[in-house]
PDB file of N, CA and C in Angstrom:
ATOM      1  N   UNK A   1     171.745 192.028 256.961  1.00  0.00           N
ATOM      2  CA  UNK A   1     170.897 192.908 256.139  1.00  0.00           C
ATOM      3  C   UNK A   1     169.317 192.755 256.060  1.00  0.00           C
ATOM      4  N   UNK A   2     168.947 194.010 256.312  1.00  0.00           N
ATOM      5  CA  UNK A   2     167.389 193.812 255.314  1.00  0.00           C
ATOM      6  C   UNK A   2     167.341 193.595 253.866  1.00  0.00           C
ATOM      7  N   UNK A   3     166.825 192.807 253.719  1.00  0.00           N
ATOM      8  CA  UNK A   3     166.178 192.904 252.073  1.00  0.00           C
ATOM      9  C   UNK A   3     165.675 193.641 251.477  1.00  0.00           C
ATOM     10  N   UNK A   4     164.898 195.000 252.454  1.00  0.00           N
ATOM     11  CA  UNK A   4     163.895 196.019 251.866  1.00  0.00           C
ATOM     12  C   UNK A   4     165.050 196.914 252.526  1.00  0.00           C
ATOM     13  N   UNK A   5     164.171 198.240 252.190  1.00  0.00           N
ATOM     14  CA  UNK A   5     164.854 199.465 252.113  1.00  0.00           C
ATOM     15  C   UNK A   5     164.093 200.124 252.816  1.00  0.00           C
ATOM     16  N   UNK A   6     163.366 199.961 253.849  1.00  0.00           N
ATOM     17  CA  UNK A   6     162.459 200.580 254.840  1.00  0.00           C
ATOM     18  C   UNK A   6     163.207 201.899 254.780  1.00  0.00           C
ATOM     19  N   UNK A   7     164.257 202.349 254.911  1.00  0.00           N
ATOM     20  CA  UNK A   7     164.550 203.865 255.315  1.00  0.00           C
ATOM     21  C   UNK A   7     164.228 204.212 253.713  1.00  0.00           C
ATOM     22  N   UNK A   8     163.928 204.043 252.834  1.00  0.00           N
ATOM     23  CA  UNK A   8     163.793 204.901 251.755  1.00  0.00           C
ATOM     24  C   UNK A   8     162.510 204.233 250.689  1.00  0.00           C
ATOM     25  N   UNK A   9     162.165 204.357 250.980  1.00  0.00           N
ATOM     26  CA  UNK A   9     160.757 203.277 251.157  1.00  0.00           C
ATOM     27  C   UNK A   9     160.495 204.039 248.984  1.00  0.00           C
ATOM     28  N   UNK A  10     160.553 205.204 248.990  1.00  0.00           N
ATOM     29  CA  UNK A  10     160.697 206.038 247.083  1.00  0.00           C
ATOM     30  C   UNK A  10     161.812 204.447 246.613  1.00  0.00           C
ATOM     31  N   UNK A  11     162.923 203.693 247.138  1.00  0.00           N
ATOM     32  CA  UNK A  11     163.794 203.300 246.159  1.00  0.00           C
ATOM     33  C   UNK A  11     163.375 201.528 246.477  1.00  0.00           C
ATOM     34  N   UNK A  12     162.129 201.345 247.121  1.00  0.00           N
ATOM     35  CA  UNK A  12     162.157 199.641 247.071  1.00  0.00           C
ATOM     36  C   UNK A  12     161.228 199.166 246.556  1.00  0.00           C
ATOM     37  N   UNK A  13     161.476 198.108 246.374  1.00  0.00           N
ATOM     38  CA  UNK A  13     160.524 196.904 245.600  1.00  0.00           C
ATOM     39  C   UNK A  13     159.235 196.227 246.503  1.00  0.00           C
ATOM     40  N   UNK A  14     158.780 196.131 247.416  1.00  0.00           N
ATOM     41  CA  UNK A  14     158.245 195.510 248.914  1.00  0.00           C
ATOM     42  C   UNK A  14     158.132 194.299 247.766  1.00  0.00           C
ATOM     43  N   UNK A  15     158.589 192.696 248.377  1.00  0.00           N
ATOM     44  CA  UNK A  15     157.655 191.341 248.179  1.00  0.00           C
ATOM     45  C   UNK A  15     158.261 190.894 246.209  1.00  0.00           C
ATOM     46  N   UNK A  16     159.558 191.403 245.989  1.00  0.00           N
ATOM     47  CA  UNK A  16     160.114 191.713 244.752  1.00  0.00           C
ATOM     48  C   UNK A  16     161.144 190.213 245.443  1.00  0.00           C
ATOM     49  N   UNK A  17     161.903 189.823 244.050  1.00  0.00           N
ATOM     50  CA  UNK A  17     162.620 188.790 244.357  1.00  0.00           C
ATOM     51  C   UNK A  17     164.103 189.443 243.429  1.00  0.00           C
ATOM     52  N   UNK A  18     163.740 189.907 242.032  1.00  0.00           N
ATOM     53  CA  UNK A  18     164.362 189.894 240.777  1.00  0.00           C
ATOM     54  C   UNK A  18     164.101 191.234 240.191  1.00  0.00           C
ATOM     55  N   UNK A  19     164.658 192.301 240.002  1.00  0.00           N
ATOM     56  CA  UNK A  19     164.258 193.290 239.608  1.00  0.00           C
ATOM     57  C   UNK A  19     164.839 193.305 238.009  1.00  0.00           C
ATOM     58  N   UNK A  20     164.064 194.338 236.899  1.00  0.00           N
ATOM     59  CA  UNK A  20     164.410 194.567 235.475  1.00  0.00           C
ATOM     60  C   UNK A  20     165.244 195.695 235.798  1.00  0.00           C
ATOM     61  N   UNK A  21     167.011 196.038 234.630  1.00  0.00           N
ATOM     62  CA  UNK A  21     167.810 196.573 233.886  1.00  0.00           C
ATOM     63  C   UNK A  21     166.510 198.149 234.068  1.00  0.00           C
ATOM     64  N   UNK A  22     164.947 198.041 233.977  1.00  0.00           N
ATOM     65  CA  UNK A  22     164.390 199.040 233.373  1.00  0.00           C
ATOM     66  C   UNK A  22     164.132 199.466 234.570  1.00  0.00           C
ATOM     67  N   UNK A  23     163.344 198.871 235.356  1.00  0.00           N
ATOM     68  CA  UNK A  23     162.634 199.094 236.855  1.00  0.00           C
ATOM     69  C   UNK A  23     163.737 199.927 237.856  1.00  0.00           C
ATOM     70  N   UNK A  24     165.118 199.210 237.647  1.00  0.00           N
ATOM     71  CA  UNK A  24     166.006 199.791 238.862  1.00  0.00           C
ATOM     72  C   UNK A  24     166.300 201.099 237.756  1.00  0.00           C
ATOM     73  N   UNK A  25     166.450 201.473 236.761  1.00  0.00           N
ATOM     74  CA  UNK A  25     167.060 203.012 235.835  1.00  0.00           C
ATOM     75  C   UNK A  25     165.517 203.450 236.335  1.00  0.00           C
ATOM     76  N   UNK A  26     164.981 203.189 236.157  1.00  0.00           N
ATOM     77  CA  UNK A  26     163.670 204.177 236.515  1.00  0.00           C
ATOM     78  C   UNK A  26     163.228 204.560 237.883  1.00  0.00           C
ATOM     79  N   UNK A  27     163.846 203.935 238.603  1.00  0.00           N
ATOM     80  CA  UNK A  27     163.364 203.692 240.268  1.00  0.00           C
ATOM     81  C   UNK A  27     164.483 204.841 240.541  1.00  0.00           C
ATOM     82  N   UNK A  28     165.753 204.987 239.919  1.00  0.00           N
ATOM     83  CA  UNK A  28     166.714 205.468 240.614  1.00  0.00           C
ATOM     84  C   UNK A  28     167.067 206.796 239.549  1.00  0.00           C
ATOM     85  N   UNK A  29     166.606 207.014 238.661  1.00  0.00           N
ATOM     86  CA  UNK A  29     166.991 208.129 238.067  1.00  0.00           C
ATOM     87  C   UNK A  29     167.395 207.463 236.771  1.00  0.00           C
ATOM     88  N   UNK A  30     168.540 206.384 236.529  1.00  0.00           N
ATOM     89  CA  UNK A  30     169.487 206.348 235.594  1.00  0.00           C
ATOM     90  C   UNK A  30     169.053 205.897 234.485  1.00  0.00           C
ATOM     91  N   UNK A  31     169.618 205.876 232.702  1.00  0.00           N
ATOM     92  CA  UNK A  31     169.331 205.225 232.790  1.00  0.00           C
ATOM     93  C   UNK A  31     169.288 203.740 232.094  1.00  0.00           C
ATOM     94  N   UNK A  32     168.567 203.199 230.996  1.00  0.00           N
ATOM     95  CA  UNK A  32     169.299 201.474 231.286  1.00  0.00           C
ATOM     96  C   UNK A  32     170.638 201.418 230.380  1.00  0.00           C
ATOM     97  N   UNK A  33     170.827 201.625 229.528  1.00  0.00           N
ATOM     98  CA  UNK A  33     172.243 201.882 229.651  1.00  0.00           C
ATOM     99  C   UNK A  33     173.018 201.847 230.800  1.00  0.00           C
ATOM    100  N   UNK A  34     172.994 203.451 231.623  1.00  0.00           N
ATOM    101  CA  UNK A  34     173.507 203.076 232.566  1.00  0.00           C
ATOM    102  C   UNK A  34     174.103 202.344 233.593  1.00  0.00           C
ATOM    103  N   UNK A  35     172.613 201.646 233.960  1.00  0.00           N
ATOM    104  CA  UNK A  35     172.289 200.151 234.540  1.00  0.00           C
ATOM    105  C   UNK A  35     173.054 199.070 234.193  1.00  0.00           C
ATOM    106  N   UNK A  36     172.669 199.450 232.800  1.00  0.00           N
ATOM    107  CA  UNK A  36     174.052 197.591 232.421  1.00  0.00           C
ATOM    108  C   UNK A  36     175.592 197.980 232.430  1.00  0.00           C
ATOM    109  N   UNK A  37     175.959 199.564 232.114  1.00  0.00           N
ATOM    110  CA  UNK A  37     177.070 199.338 232.354  1.00  0.00           C
ATOM    111  C   UNK A  37     177.821 199.121 233.874  1.00  0.00           C
ATOM    112  N   UNK A  38     176.614 199.261 234.643  1.00  0.00           N
ATOM    113  CA  UNK A  38     177.316 198.529 236.350  1.00  0.00           C
ATOM    114  C   UNK A  38     177.218 198.028 236.779  1.00  0.00           C
ATOM    115  N   UNK A  39     176.661 196.872 235.835  1.00  0.00           N
ATOM    116  CA  UNK A  39     175.888 195.374 235.558  1.00  0.00           C
ATOM    117  C   UNK A  39     177.758 195.420 235.228  1.00  0.00           C
ATOM    118  N   UNK A  40     177.624 195.729 233.940  1.00  0.00           N
ATOM    119  CA  UNK A  40     179.054 194.854 233.156  1.00  0.00           C
ATOM    120  C   UNK A  40     180.263 195.395 234.405  1.00  0.00           C
ATOM    121  N   UNK A  41     180.658 195.807 234.887  1.00  0.00           N
ATOM    122  CA  UNK A  41     181.553 196.590 235.578  1.00  0.00           C
ATOM    123  C   UNK A  41     181.261 195.641 236.736  1.00  0.00           C
ATOM    124  N   UNK A  42     180.233 195.282 237.524  1.00  0.00           N
ATOM    125  CA  UNK A  42     180.251 195.041 238.492  1.00  0.00           C
ATOM    126  C   UNK A  42     179.661 195.181 239.949  1.00  0.00           C
ATOM    127  N   UNK A  43     180.038 196.394 239.226  1.00  0.00           N
ATOM    128  CA  UNK A  43     178.606 197.404 240.644  1.00  0.00           C
ATOM    129  C   UNK A  43     177.282 196.850 241.161  1.00  0.00           C
ATOM    130  N   UNK A  44     176.369 196.194 240.276  1.00  0.00           N
ATOM    131  CA  UNK A  44     175.552 195.995 240.534  1.00  0.00           C
ATOM    132  C   UNK A  44     175.461 193.796 240.313  1.00  0.00           C
ATOM    133  N   UNK A  45     175.530 192.928 240.971  1.00  0.00           N
ATOM    134  CA  UNK A  45     175.768 191.597 240.392  1.00  0.00           C
ATOM    135  C   UNK A  45     174.592 191.258 240.173  1.00  0.00           C
ATOM    136  N   UNK A  46     174.162 190.491 238.708  1.00  0.00           N
ATOM    137  CA  UNK A  46     172.995 190.462 237.661  1.00  0.00           C
ATOM    138  C   UNK A  46     172.693 188.696 236.733  1.00  0.00           C
ATOM    139  N   UNK A  47     171.662 188.288 236.868  1.00  0.00           N
ATOM    140  CA  UNK A  47     171.794 186.850 236.491  1.00  0.00           C
ATOM    141  C   UNK A  47     171.626 186.932 234.772  1.00  0.00           C
ATOM    142  N   UNK A  48     172.346 186.511 234.116  1.00  0.00           N
ATOM    143  CA  UNK A  48     172.170 187.141 232.687  1.00  0.00           C
ATOM    144  C   UNK A  48     171.479 185.957 231.602  1.00  0.00           C
ATOM    145  N   UNK A  49     169.622 186.023 231.564  1.00  0.00           N
ATOM    146  CA  UNK A  49     168.535 185.069 231.426  1.00  0.00           C
ATOM    147  C   UNK A  49     168.814 184.801 229.989  1.00  0.00           C
ATOM    148  N   UNK A  50     169.274 185.781 228.906  1.00  0.00           N
ATOM    149  CA  UNK A  50     169.769 185.864 227.590  1.00  0.00           C
ATOM    150  C   UNK A  50     169.685 183.700 226.851  1.00  0.00           C
ATOM    151  N   UNK A  51     168.694 183.734 226.408  1.00  0.00           N
ATOM    152  CA  UNK A  51     168.943 182.437 225.505  1.00  0.00           C
ATOM    153  C   UNK A  51     170.083 182.699 224.280  1.00  0.00           C
ATOM    154  N   UNK A  52     169.993 181.619 223.939  1.00  0.00           N
ATOM    155  CA  UNK A  52     171.433 181.231 222.446  1.00  0.00           C
ATOM    156  C   UNK A  52     170.833 181.807 221.371  1.00  0.00           C
ATOM    157  N   UNK A  53     169.459 182.213 221.391  1.00  0.00           N
ATOM    158  CA  UNK A  53     168.776 183.182 220.043  1.00  0.00           C
ATOM    159  C   UNK A  53     169.348 184.161 220.303  1.00  0.00           C
ATOM    160  N   UNK A  54     169.102 184.655 222.024  1.00  0.00           N
ATOM    161  CA  UNK A  54     169.004 186.258 221.632  1.00  0.00           C
ATOM    162  C   UNK A  54     170.202 186.962 221.308  1.00  0.00           C
ATOM    163  N   UNK A  55     170.143 187.954 221.152  1.00  0.00           N
ATOM    164  CA  UNK A  55     170.519 188.780 220.304  1.00  0.00           C
ATOM    165  C   UNK A  55     171.329 190.296 221.976  1.00  0.00           C
ATOM    166  N   UNK A  56     170.076 190.239 222.569  1.00  0.00           N
ATOM    167  CA  UNK A  56     170.902 190.962 223.760  1.00  0.00           C
ATOM    168  C   UNK A  56     170.306 190.563 224.900  1.00  0.00           C
ATOM    169  N   UNK A  57     171.594 190.834 225.996  1.00  0.00           N
ATOM    170  CA  UNK A  57     171.509 189.831 227.453  1.00  0.00           C
ATOM    171  C   UNK A  57     169.677 190.197 227.858  1.00  0.00           C
ATOM    172  N   UNK A  58     169.789 189.228 228.731  1.00  0.00           N
ATOM    173  CA  UNK A  58     168.053 189.654 229.231  1.00  0.00           C
ATOM    174  C   UNK A  58     168.360 189.275 230.692  1.00  0.00           C
ATOM    175  N   UNK A  59     168.777 190.588 231.838  1.00  0.00           N
ATOM    176  CA  UNK A  59     169.637 191.008 232.794  1.00  0.00           C
ATOM    177  C   UNK A  59     169.032 191.184 234.590  1.00  0.00           C
ATOM    178  N   UNK A  60     168.395 189.538 234.904  1.00  0.00           N
ATOM    179  CA  UNK A  60     167.134 190.240 236.259  1.00  0.00           C
ATOM    180  C   UNK A  60     168.184 190.535 237.638  1.00  0.00           C
ATOM    181  N   UNK A  61     168.475 191.705 237.952  1.00  0.00           N
ATOM    182  CA  UNK A  61     169.416 191.751 239.262  1.00  0.00           C
ATOM    183  C   UNK A  61     168.432 191.356 240.913  1.00  0.00           C
ATOM    184  N   UNK A  62     168.952 190.342 241.383  1.00  0.00           N
ATOM    185  CA  UNK A  62     168.574 189.755 243.044  1.00  0.00           C
ATOM    186  C   UNK A  62     168.278 191.158 243.472  1.00  0.00           C
ATOM    187  N   UNK A  63     167.168 190.797 244.738  1.00  0.00           N
ATOM    188  CA  UNK A  63     166.780 191.943 245.343  1.00  0.00           C
ATOM    189  C   UNK A  63     167.563 192.710 245.870  1.00  0.00           C
ATOM    190  N   UNK A  64     168.414 191.787 246.578  1.00  0.00           N
ATOM    191  CA  UNK A  64     169.668 191.498 247.852  1.00  0.00           C
ATOM    192  C   UNK A  64     170.667 192.501 246.954  1.00  0.00           C
ATOM    193  N   UNK A  65     171.066 192.239 245.725  1.00  0.00           N
ATOM    194  CA  UNK A  65     171.925 192.883 245.357  1.00  0.00           C
ATOM    195  C   UNK A  65     171.500 194.793 244.629  1.00  0.00           C
ATOM    196  N   UNK A  66     170.642 194.294 244.572  1.00  0.00           N
ATOM    197  CA  UNK A  66     169.625 196.105 244.568  1.00  0.00           C
ATOM    198  C   UNK A  66     170.104 197.013 245.299  1.00  0.00           C
ATOM    199  N   UNK A  67     169.599 195.907 246.741  1.00  0.00           N
ATOM    200  CA  UNK A  67     169.601 196.714 248.109  1.00  0.00           C
ATOM    201  C   UNK A  67     171.342 197.046 248.502  1.00  0.00           C
ATOM    202  N   UNK A  68     172.048 196.126 248.572  1.00  0.00           N
ATOM    203  CA  UNK A  68     173.372 196.312 248.441  1.00  0.00           C
ATOM    204  C   UNK A  68     173.664 197.685 247.322  1.00  0.00           C
ATOM    205  N   UNK A  69     173.741 197.000 246.536  1.00  0.00           N
ATOM    206  CA  UNK A  69     173.730 198.894 245.590  1.00  0.00           C
ATOM    207  C   UNK A  69     173.384 199.846 246.491  1.00  0.00           C
ATOM    208  N   UNK A  70     172.511 200.084 246.410  1.00  0.00           N
ATOM    209  CA  UNK A  70     171.890 201.429 247.277  1.00  0.00           C
ATOM    210  C   UNK A  70     171.960 201.773 247.978  1.00  0.00           C
ATOM    211  N   UNK A  71     172.587 201.013 249.781  1.00  0.00           N
ATOM    212  CA  UNK A  71     172.533 201.020 250.679  1.00  0.00           C
ATOM    213  C   UNK A  71     174.741 201.529 250.641  1.00  0.00           C
ATOM    214  N   UNK A  72     174.966 200.963 249.916  1.00  0.00           N
ATOM    215  CA  UNK A  72     176.523 201.177 250.303  1.00  0.00           C
ATOM    216  C   UNK A  72     176.774 202.289 249.107  1.00  0.00           C
ATOM    217  N   UNK A  73     176.090 202.968 248.535  1.00  0.00           N
ATOM    218  CA  UNK A  73     175.772 204.549 247.886  1.00  0.00           C
ATOM    219  C   UNK A  73     175.274 205.103 249.265  1.00  0.00           C
ATOM    220  N   UNK A  74     174.792 205.029 249.574  1.00  0.00           N
ATOM    221  CA  UNK A  74     173.768 206.129 250.948  1.00  0.00           C
ATOM    222  C   UNK A  74     175.206 206.576 251.940  1.00  0.00           C
ATOM    223  N   UNK A  75     174.381 207.904 251.492  1.00  0.00           N
ATOM    224  CA  UNK A  75     175.620 208.713 252.355  1.00  0.00           C
ATOM    225  C   UNK A  75     175.114 210.012 253.739  1.00  0.00           C
ATOM    226  N   UNK A  76     175.904 210.591 254.449  1.00  0.00           N
ATOM    227  CA  UNK A  76     174.858 211.485 255.248  1.00  0.00           C
ATOM    228  C   UNK A  76     174.044 210.959 256.152  1.00  0.00           C
ATOM    229  N   UNK A  77     173.255 211.298 256.800  1.00  0.00           N
ATOM    230  CA  UNK A  77     172.158 211.507 257.186  1.00  0.00           C
ATOM    231  C   UNK A  77     171.085 210.215 256.876  1.00  0.00           C
ATOM    232  N   UNK A  78     171.337 210.045 255.357  1.00  0.00           N
ATOM    233  CA  UNK A  78     170.300 209.164 254.928  1.00  0.00           C
ATOM    234  C   UNK A  78     171.454 208.126 255.833  1.00  0.00           C
ATOM    235  N   UNK A  79     172.270 207.539 255.152  1.00  0.00           N
ATOM    236  CA  UNK A  79     173.324 206.795 256.238  1.00  0.00           C
ATOM    237  C   UNK A  79     172.999 206.154 257.632  1.00  0.00           C
ATOM    238  N   UNK A  80     173.481 207.543 257.909  1.00  0.00           N
ATOM    239  CA  UNK A  80     173.085 207.261 260.146  1.00  0.00           C
ATOM    240  C   UNK A  80     171.810 206.763 260.061  1.00  0.00           C
ATOM    241  N   UNK A  81     170.596 207.764 259.247  1.00  0.00           N
ATOM    242  CA  UNK A  81     169.424 207.039 259.339  1.00  0.00           C
ATOM    243  C   UNK A  81     168.921 205.566 259.353  1.00  0.00           C
ATOM    244  N   UNK A  82     169.399 205.001 258.425  1.00  0.00           N
ATOM    245  CA  UNK A  82     169.601 203.251 257.744  1.00  0.00           C
ATOM    246  C   UNK A  82     170.047 203.079 259.119  1.00  0.00           C
ATOM    247  N   UNK A  83     171.330 203.496 259.555  1.00  0.00           N
ATOM    248  CA  UNK A  83     172.262 201.895 260.667  1.00  0.00           C
ATOM    249  C   UNK A  83     170.738 201.611 261.927  1.00  0.00           C
ATOM    250  N   UNK A  84     170.569 203.432 262.038  1.00  0.00           N
ATOM    251  CA  UNK A  84     169.859 203.324 262.905  1.00  0.00           C
ATOM    252  C   UNK A  84     168.399 202.746 262.732  1.00  0.00           C
ATOM    253  N   UNK A  85     168.095 202.394 262.054  1.00  0.00           N
ATOM    254  CA  UNK A  85     166.523 201.834 261.717  1.00  0.00           C
ATOM    255  C   UNK A  85     167.053 200.211 262.217  1.00  0.00           C
ATOM    256  N   UNK A  86     168.572 200.052 262.374  1.00  0.00           N
ATOM    257  CA  UNK A  86     168.411 198.326 262.238  1.00  0.00           C
ATOM    258  C   UNK A  86     168.192 198.074 264.104  1.00  0.00           C
ATOM    259  N   UNK A  87     167.648 196.880 264.201  1.00  0.00           N
ATOM    260  CA  UNK A  87     167.689 196.534 265.464  1.00  0.00           C
ATOM    261  C   UNK A  87     169.172 195.983 265.822  1.00  0.00           C
ATOM    262  N   UNK A  88     169.216 196.521 267.623  1.00  0.00           N
ATOM    263  CA  UNK A  88     170.243 197.202 268.488  1.00  0.00           C
ATOM    264  C   UNK A  88     171.583 195.258 268.372  1.00  0.00           C
ATOM    265  N   UNK A  89     171.137 194.582 268.691  1.00  0.00           N
ATOM    266  CA  UNK A  89     171.755 193.021 268.592  1.00  0.00           C
ATOM    267  C   UNK A  89     172.069 193.405 266.748  1.00  0.00           C
ATOM    268  N   UNK A  90     171.746 193.917 265.862  1.00  0.00           N
ATOM    269  CA  UNK A  90     172.271 193.824 264.806  1.00  0.00           C
ATOM    270  C   UNK A  90     173.562 194.854 264.471  1.00  0.00           C
ATOM    271  N   UNK A  91     173.025 196.181 264.839  1.00  0.00           N
ATOM    272  CA  UNK A  91     174.041 197.043 265.557  1.00  0.00           C
ATOM    273  C   UNK A  91     175.526 195.995 266.226  1.00  0.00           C
ATOM    274  N   UNK A  92     175.432 195.410 266.934  1.00  0.00           N
ATOM    275  CA  UNK A  92     176.172 194.967 267.899  1.00  0.00           C
ATOM    276  C   UNK A  92     176.917 194.247 267.230  1.00  0.00           C
ATOM    277  N   UNK A  93     176.206 193.348 266.390  1.00  0.00           N
ATOM    278  CA  UNK A  93     177.180 191.947 265.752  1.00  0.00           C
ATOM    279  C   UNK A  93     177.662 192.849 264.430  1.00  0.00           C
ATOM    280  N   UNK A  94     177.721 194.231 263.748  1.00  0.00           N
ATOM    281  CA  UNK A  94     177.875 194.906 262.533  1.00  0.00           C
ATOM    282  C   UNK A  94     179.454 195.536 263.538  1.00  0.00           C
ATOM    283  N   UNK A  95     179.306 195.792 264.503  1.00  0.00           N
ATOM    284  CA  UNK A  95     180.502 196.408 265.031  1.00  0.00           C
ATOM    285  C   UNK A  95     181.378 195.338 265.707  1.00  0.00           C
ATOM    286  N   UNK A  96     181.151 194.054 265.735  1.00  0.00           N
ATOM    287  CA  UNK A  96     182.037 193.017 265.753  1.00  0.00           C
ATOM    288  C   UNK A  96     182.340 192.777 264.999  1.00  0.00           C
ATOM    289  N   UNK A  97     181.783 191.862 263.560  1.00  0.00           N
ATOM    290  CA  UNK A  97     182.332 191.990 262.659  1.00  0.00           C
ATOM    291  C   UNK A  97     183.776 193.240 261.921  1.00  0.00           C
ATOM    292  N   UNK A  98     183.504 194.320 262.186  1.00  0.00           N
ATOM    293  CA  UNK A  98     183.575 195.628 261.279  1.00  0.00           C
ATOM    294  C   UNK A  98     185.486 195.351 261.889  1.00  0.00           C
ATOM    295  N   UNK A  99     184.929 195.648 263.556  1.00  0.00           N
ATOM    296  CA  UNK A  99     186.354 195.423 264.108  1.00  0.00           C
ATOM    297  C   UNK A  99     187.547 194.293 263.949  1.00  0.00           C
ATOM    298  N   UNK A 100     186.565 192.968 264.038  1.00  0.00           N
ATOM    299  CA  UNK A 100     187.331 191.803 263.112  1.00  0.00           C
ATOM    300  C   UNK A 100     187.724 192.099 262.066  1.00  0.00           C
ATOM    301  N   UNK A 101     187.427 192.951 261.092  1.00  0.00           N
ATOM    302  CA  UNK A 101     187.905 192.591 259.899  1.00  0.00           C
ATOM    303  C   UNK A 101     189.242 194.047 260.167  1.00  0.00           C
ATOM    304  N   UNK A 102     188.334 195.087 260.278  1.00  0.00           N
ATOM    305  CA  UNK A 102     190.096 196.072 260.517  1.00  0.00           C
ATOM    306  C   UNK A 102     190.770 195.636 261.438  1.00  0.00           C
ATOM    307  N   UNK A 103     191.421 193.494 262.055  1.00  0.00           N
ATOM    308  CA  UNK A 103     191.982 193.717 262.248  1.00  0.00           C
ATOM    309  C   UNK A 103     192.972 192.975 261.739  1.00  0.00           C
ATOM    310  N   UNK A 104     191.897 192.011 260.678  1.00  0.00           N
ATOM    311  CA  UNK A 104     192.621 191.190 260.258  1.00  0.00           C
ATOM    312  C   UNK A 104     192.700 191.799 259.118  1.00  0.00           C
ATOM    313  N   UNK A 105     192.779 192.958 258.156  1.00  0.00           N
ATOM    314  CA  UNK A 105     193.490 193.878 257.650  1.00  0.00           C
ATOM    315  C   UNK A 105     194.421 194.559 258.201  1.00  0.00           C
ATOM    316  N   UNK A 106     194.577 194.769 258.989  1.00  0.00           N
ATOM    317  CA  UNK A 106     195.852 195.550 259.618  1.00  0.00           C
ATOM    318  C   UNK A 106     196.947 194.172 260.023  1.00  0.00           C
ATOM    319  N   UNK A 107     196.682 192.896 259.909  1.00  0.00           N
ATOM    320  CA  UNK A 107     197.695 192.087 260.284  1.00  0.00           C
ATOM    321  C   UNK A 107     198.812 191.853 259.616  1.00  0.00           C
TER     322      UNK A 107
END
């Protein structure tokens, strides 16, 4: 999967490897507390760089985790647009992986 959100440029952070809670909150229109809650419940994986002397956590979210979070919540036409933006070979690979997953889950 692409690590950048080419199909949703307004939500993208080109060239970045990690993001701060405040950046994600601002870009998605969430409060920082809501983003921290999403991190706490595992919806957004993050690294906690908090030192032993710090009172509050210092989360950094890998760009891949942010992109996965956004992509899995896209629906309707945007999801179709994203899938269509993938190279044909990638779409074929995804189809094979999904078919294999469905066979494994139903066995």
